[in-house]
Protein backbone atom coordinates (compact mmCIF):
# COMPACT_ATOMS: atom_id res chain seq x y z
CA MET A 1 185.21 19.84 -64.88
CA THR A 2 181.79 19.85 -66.48
CA GLU A 3 179.28 17.06 -67.06
CA LYS A 4 175.90 16.97 -68.85
CA GLN A 5 172.49 16.70 -67.15
CA ARG A 6 169.74 15.40 -69.43
CA TYR A 7 166.33 16.73 -69.05
CA PHE A 8 162.93 15.81 -70.21
CA ILE A 9 160.64 18.57 -71.16
CA GLU A 10 156.77 17.77 -71.61
CA LEU A 11 154.81 19.93 -74.17
CA SER A 12 151.68 20.31 -76.25
CA TYR A 13 150.98 21.85 -79.58
CA ASP A 14 148.40 22.91 -82.33
CA GLY A 15 149.90 21.61 -85.45
CA THR A 16 148.02 23.68 -87.77
CA ASN A 17 150.67 26.15 -88.36
CA TYR A 18 153.51 23.51 -88.46
CA HIS A 19 155.25 20.93 -90.94
CA GLY A 20 155.25 18.42 -88.06
CA TRP A 21 157.57 18.15 -85.33
CA GLN A 22 160.90 17.18 -87.00
CA ILE A 23 163.11 20.25 -88.40
CA GLN A 24 162.93 20.29 -92.31
CA LYS A 25 164.51 22.69 -94.77
CA ASN A 26 162.26 25.63 -95.83
CA ALA A 27 159.46 24.57 -93.45
CA VAL A 28 158.66 25.68 -90.19
CA SER A 29 158.48 23.05 -87.48
CA VAL A 30 157.77 22.64 -83.83
CA GLN A 31 161.04 21.28 -83.08
CA GLU A 32 162.85 24.22 -84.98
CA VAL A 33 160.68 26.79 -83.02
CA LEU A 34 161.19 25.07 -79.47
CA ASN A 35 165.08 24.76 -80.11
CA GLU A 36 165.26 28.24 -80.87
CA LYS A 37 162.91 29.56 -77.90
CA LEU A 38 165.01 27.25 -75.55
CA SER A 39 168.51 28.58 -76.78
CA VAL A 40 167.43 32.16 -75.91
CA VAL A 41 166.04 31.19 -72.20
CA LEU A 42 169.07 29.26 -71.52
CA ARG A 43 171.63 31.39 -73.33
CA ARG A 44 173.30 28.66 -75.26
CA SER A 45 172.81 26.49 -78.30
CA ILE A 46 169.77 23.65 -77.12
CA GLU A 47 168.94 20.68 -79.56
CA THR A 48 166.24 18.57 -78.70
CA THR A 49 165.28 15.09 -79.22
CA GLY A 50 161.52 13.93 -79.62
CA CYS A 51 159.65 11.24 -78.51
CA GLY A 52 158.66 10.59 -82.10
CA ARG A 53 157.53 13.00 -85.42
CA THR A 54 154.14 14.06 -86.21
CA ASP A 55 153.23 15.07 -89.66
CA THR A 56 152.20 18.43 -91.00
CA GLY A 57 148.92 19.50 -89.21
CA VAL A 58 148.74 16.88 -86.79
CA HIS A 59 148.40 17.73 -83.10
CA ALA A 60 150.02 16.90 -79.97
CA SER A 61 148.15 17.14 -76.81
CA GLU A 62 151.09 15.03 -74.92
CA PHE A 63 154.67 14.99 -76.37
CA PHE A 64 158.21 14.82 -74.76
CA ALA A 65 161.61 15.77 -75.85
CA HIS A 66 165.00 15.72 -74.26
CA PHE A 67 167.94 18.04 -74.17
CA ASP A 68 171.41 18.20 -72.47
CA LEU A 69 172.64 21.05 -70.18
CA GLU A 70 176.16 21.37 -69.08
CA ARG A 71 176.59 21.87 -65.50
CA TYR A 72 179.83 22.04 -62.67
CA THR A 73 179.92 19.02 -60.89
CA ASP A 74 179.21 20.73 -57.53
CA HIS A 75 176.17 22.47 -59.15
CA ARG A 76 172.79 21.19 -57.91
CA LEU A 77 169.78 20.32 -60.14
CA TRP A 78 167.26 23.14 -60.44
CA THR A 79 164.89 23.45 -57.75
CA MET A 80 161.26 23.40 -58.14
CA ASP A 81 160.94 27.40 -57.69
CA GLU A 82 163.56 27.42 -60.65
CA LYS A 83 161.98 24.97 -62.90
CA ASP A 84 158.70 26.85 -62.44
CA ASN A 85 160.31 30.26 -63.59
CA PHE A 86 162.04 28.41 -66.55
CA ILE A 87 158.55 27.15 -67.61
CA ARG A 88 157.11 30.56 -67.40
CA SER A 89 160.02 32.02 -69.22
CA ILE A 90 159.99 29.70 -71.97
CA ASN A 91 156.25 29.91 -72.25
CA ALA A 92 156.16 33.78 -72.40
CA ILE A 93 158.30 33.66 -75.65
CA LEU A 94 156.93 30.67 -77.35
CA PRO A 95 154.18 31.22 -79.89
CA LYS A 96 150.29 30.46 -78.51
CA ASP A 97 150.20 27.29 -80.23
CA ILE A 98 153.23 25.72 -78.17
CA ALA A 99 152.88 25.08 -74.41
CA VAL A 100 155.42 23.68 -72.17
CA LYS A 101 154.03 21.70 -69.25
CA ARG A 102 157.00 19.92 -67.19
CA LEU A 103 160.71 19.93 -67.08
CA PHE A 104 162.35 17.22 -64.90
CA PRO A 105 166.04 15.72 -64.94
CA VAL A 106 166.49 12.10 -66.14
CA ALA A 107 169.15 9.50 -66.15
CA GLU A 108 172.29 10.23 -68.58
CA LYS A 109 171.21 7.97 -71.01
CA ALA A 110 167.43 8.36 -70.82
CA HIS A 111 165.83 8.85 -74.61
CA ALA A 112 162.65 10.46 -75.44
CA ARG A 113 162.31 8.40 -78.30
CA PHE A 114 163.85 4.97 -77.89
CA ASP A 115 162.67 4.44 -74.42
CA ALA A 116 159.17 5.04 -75.22
CA THR A 117 156.95 1.72 -74.88
CA GLN A 118 153.79 2.85 -76.24
CA ARG A 119 152.21 5.67 -77.94
CA THR A 120 148.48 6.34 -78.49
CA TYR A 121 146.60 8.68 -81.05
CA GLU A 122 143.30 9.72 -81.39
CA TYR A 123 141.44 10.59 -84.59
CA ASN A 124 138.37 12.87 -84.13
CA ILE A 125 135.40 13.14 -86.53
CA HIS A 126 132.28 15.03 -86.12
CA PHE A 127 129.15 15.14 -88.26
CA ASN A 128 127.59 18.61 -88.04
CA LYS A 129 129.07 21.66 -89.19
CA ASP A 130 130.68 23.40 -86.24
CA PRO A 131 133.30 26.24 -86.62
CA PHE A 132 134.73 25.57 -83.05
CA LYS A 133 135.72 22.33 -84.40
CA ASN A 134 136.95 23.22 -87.77
CA GLY A 135 140.93 22.33 -88.09
CA TYR A 136 140.57 20.21 -84.87
CA SER A 137 138.09 17.50 -86.07
CA TRP A 138 137.37 15.99 -89.51
CA GLU A 139 133.80 16.87 -90.81
CA LEU A 140 132.12 13.83 -92.24
CA ARG A 141 128.51 14.42 -93.91
CA ASP A 142 127.47 10.64 -93.61
CA ARG A 143 127.62 8.67 -90.53
CA PRO A 144 129.65 5.16 -90.84
CA ASP A 145 128.51 2.22 -89.19
CA ILE A 146 130.84 2.02 -86.05
CA ASP A 147 130.16 -1.59 -85.34
CA LEU A 148 131.61 -2.80 -88.81
CA MET A 149 134.64 -0.12 -88.14
CA ASN A 150 135.34 -1.89 -84.92
CA ASN A 151 135.23 -5.43 -86.56
CA ALA A 152 137.86 -4.51 -88.98
CA ALA A 153 139.64 -2.66 -86.24
CA LYS A 154 139.90 -6.04 -84.36
CA ILE A 155 141.25 -7.78 -87.70
CA ILE A 156 143.89 -4.94 -87.88
CA MET A 157 145.11 -5.72 -84.18
CA GLU A 158 145.96 -9.36 -85.70
CA TYR A 159 148.68 -8.15 -87.89
CA THR A 160 152.33 -6.70 -87.25
CA ASP A 161 153.29 -5.50 -90.83
CA PHE A 162 151.91 -2.25 -91.80
CA SER A 163 153.52 -1.85 -94.90
CA CYS A 164 150.20 -1.11 -96.84
CA PHE A 165 149.41 1.82 -94.27
CA SER A 166 152.96 3.38 -94.63
CA LYS A 167 153.74 6.47 -96.63
CA SER A 168 156.26 5.08 -99.68
CA ASN A 169 160.07 6.00 -99.41
CA THR A 170 160.39 6.19 -95.51
CA GLN A 171 163.84 5.48 -94.12
CA VAL A 172 162.87 2.99 -91.73
CA LYS A 173 164.17 -0.58 -91.07
CA THR A 174 161.13 -2.02 -90.42
CA ASN A 175 157.17 -1.73 -90.76
CA ILE A 176 156.64 -3.99 -87.89
CA CYS A 177 154.43 -2.45 -85.29
CA LYS A 178 152.49 -4.27 -82.30
CA ILE A 179 149.15 -2.42 -81.69
CA SER A 180 147.59 -2.91 -78.35
CA LYS A 181 144.62 -0.83 -78.74
CA ALA A 182 142.21 0.12 -82.02
CA GLU A 183 138.69 0.93 -81.12
CA TRP A 184 135.93 3.63 -82.35
CA GLU A 185 133.85 5.21 -79.44
CA VAL A 186 131.19 7.58 -79.74
CA LYS A 187 131.92 11.17 -78.44
CA ASP A 188 129.61 14.04 -78.40
CA ASP A 189 128.52 14.79 -81.84
CA GLY A 190 131.08 12.35 -83.66
CA ILE A 191 133.09 9.66 -83.01
CA VAL A 192 136.87 9.22 -82.28
CA PHE A 193 139.37 6.42 -83.09
CA LYS A 194 141.74 5.53 -80.54
CA ILE A 195 145.13 3.22 -81.32
CA SER A 196 147.78 2.62 -79.13
CA ALA A 197 151.09 0.59 -80.15
CA ASP A 198 154.81 0.52 -79.63
CA ARG A 199 155.61 2.61 -82.77
CA PHE A 200 153.91 4.10 -85.73
CA LEU A 201 154.80 4.55 -89.56
CA ARG A 202 154.46 7.42 -91.25
CA ASN A 203 150.95 8.64 -92.30
CA MET A 204 149.94 5.27 -90.59
CA VAL A 205 146.95 6.07 -88.62
CA ARG A 206 145.50 8.43 -91.29
CA ALA A 207 145.75 5.60 -93.51
CA ILE A 208 144.01 3.07 -91.06
CA VAL A 209 141.05 5.72 -90.39
CA GLY A 210 140.92 5.83 -94.39
CA THR A 211 140.57 2.34 -94.83
CA LEU A 212 138.06 1.86 -91.78
CA ILE A 213 135.89 4.49 -93.14
CA MET A 214 135.74 2.54 -96.31
CA VAL A 215 134.45 -0.25 -94.17
CA GLY A 216 131.77 2.11 -92.30
CA LYS A 217 130.52 3.36 -95.77
CA LYS A 218 129.88 -0.31 -96.58
CA GLU A 219 132.29 0.05 -99.72
CA ILE A 220 134.53 -2.68 -98.58
CA GLU A 221 133.55 -5.79 -96.17
CA PRO A 222 135.72 -5.84 -92.82
CA ASP A 223 137.41 -9.30 -93.91
CA ALA A 224 138.90 -6.99 -97.17
CA VAL A 225 140.94 -5.57 -94.43
CA LYS A 226 142.90 -8.67 -94.45
CA ASP A 227 143.69 -8.71 -98.02
CA ILE A 228 144.84 -5.12 -97.82
CA ILE A 229 147.27 -5.79 -94.85
CA GLU A 230 148.54 -9.16 -96.55
CA SER A 231 149.36 -7.24 -99.84
CA LYS A 232 151.59 -5.02 -98.40
CA ASN A 233 150.95 -2.25 -101.03
CA ARG A 234 149.86 1.40 -99.81
CA SER A 235 147.76 1.56 -103.21
CA ASN A 236 145.33 -0.93 -101.72
CA ALA A 237 144.32 0.90 -98.73
CA GLY A 238 142.03 3.58 -98.28
CA THR A 239 142.69 7.23 -98.63
CA SER A 240 144.67 9.18 -95.77
CA VAL A 241 142.14 11.45 -93.92
CA PRO A 242 142.95 15.05 -93.20
CA ALA A 243 145.52 15.66 -90.78
CA CYS A 244 143.41 18.03 -88.81
CA GLY A 245 141.49 15.21 -87.02
CA LEU A 246 144.51 13.63 -85.44
CA TYR A 247 146.15 13.94 -81.85
CA LEU A 248 149.04 12.21 -80.33
CA THR A 249 147.67 11.88 -76.93
CA GLU A 250 149.84 9.80 -74.75
CA ILE A 251 153.29 8.58 -74.26
CA LEU A 252 154.34 5.82 -71.91
CA TYR A 253 157.76 4.93 -70.91
């Protein structure tokens, strides 16, 4: 008699060479590569379920997925040494831009996506040309007014319907999100936008950043964000900023 044991796997990845996390037709995704390599190491077909989906070119410093393994009822869970050996084995055959950090058993119905209570993204911007930040931060020539952007960010937190920041024709039942943090901070030679919420819509963070940059450049007033959000029209919000500066940094359960 067999039963299934569910495992959570923690990983990080550089999204530059991938069309996001989720498996797609005619495009290489992080999920596709991870499934393939897990299947090789574990010698059976493995299908993972991720904690969310990142868009093409977006990075993740913290990401969780789950998968199931069949085991005999009298078979113990992997020991710590066996877990370490597994992590070394899987990392040995994964590409350099994907790394597995941890593996741990969870309850049978634990779900990497639906059990997540908060997700945090960061968007990085730098102002001086830096070859080591190319592809990992957005170079912006003119410095925006960070105080104005933070005023507008506070306004965004007053709302829950973010249809205006969502990519059109997405298969979601609701555009309601509860944002718990939205703030710009100075960082080295640039600035970083940190935003936390229970869920995010496709393209949402990049559209929010693009809109806040308009405020920072004094193209629109902070209060104009109210009209943009209440319009529920994507064409009224700012242009989506490049994916290279965006990172999924934390998942809470």
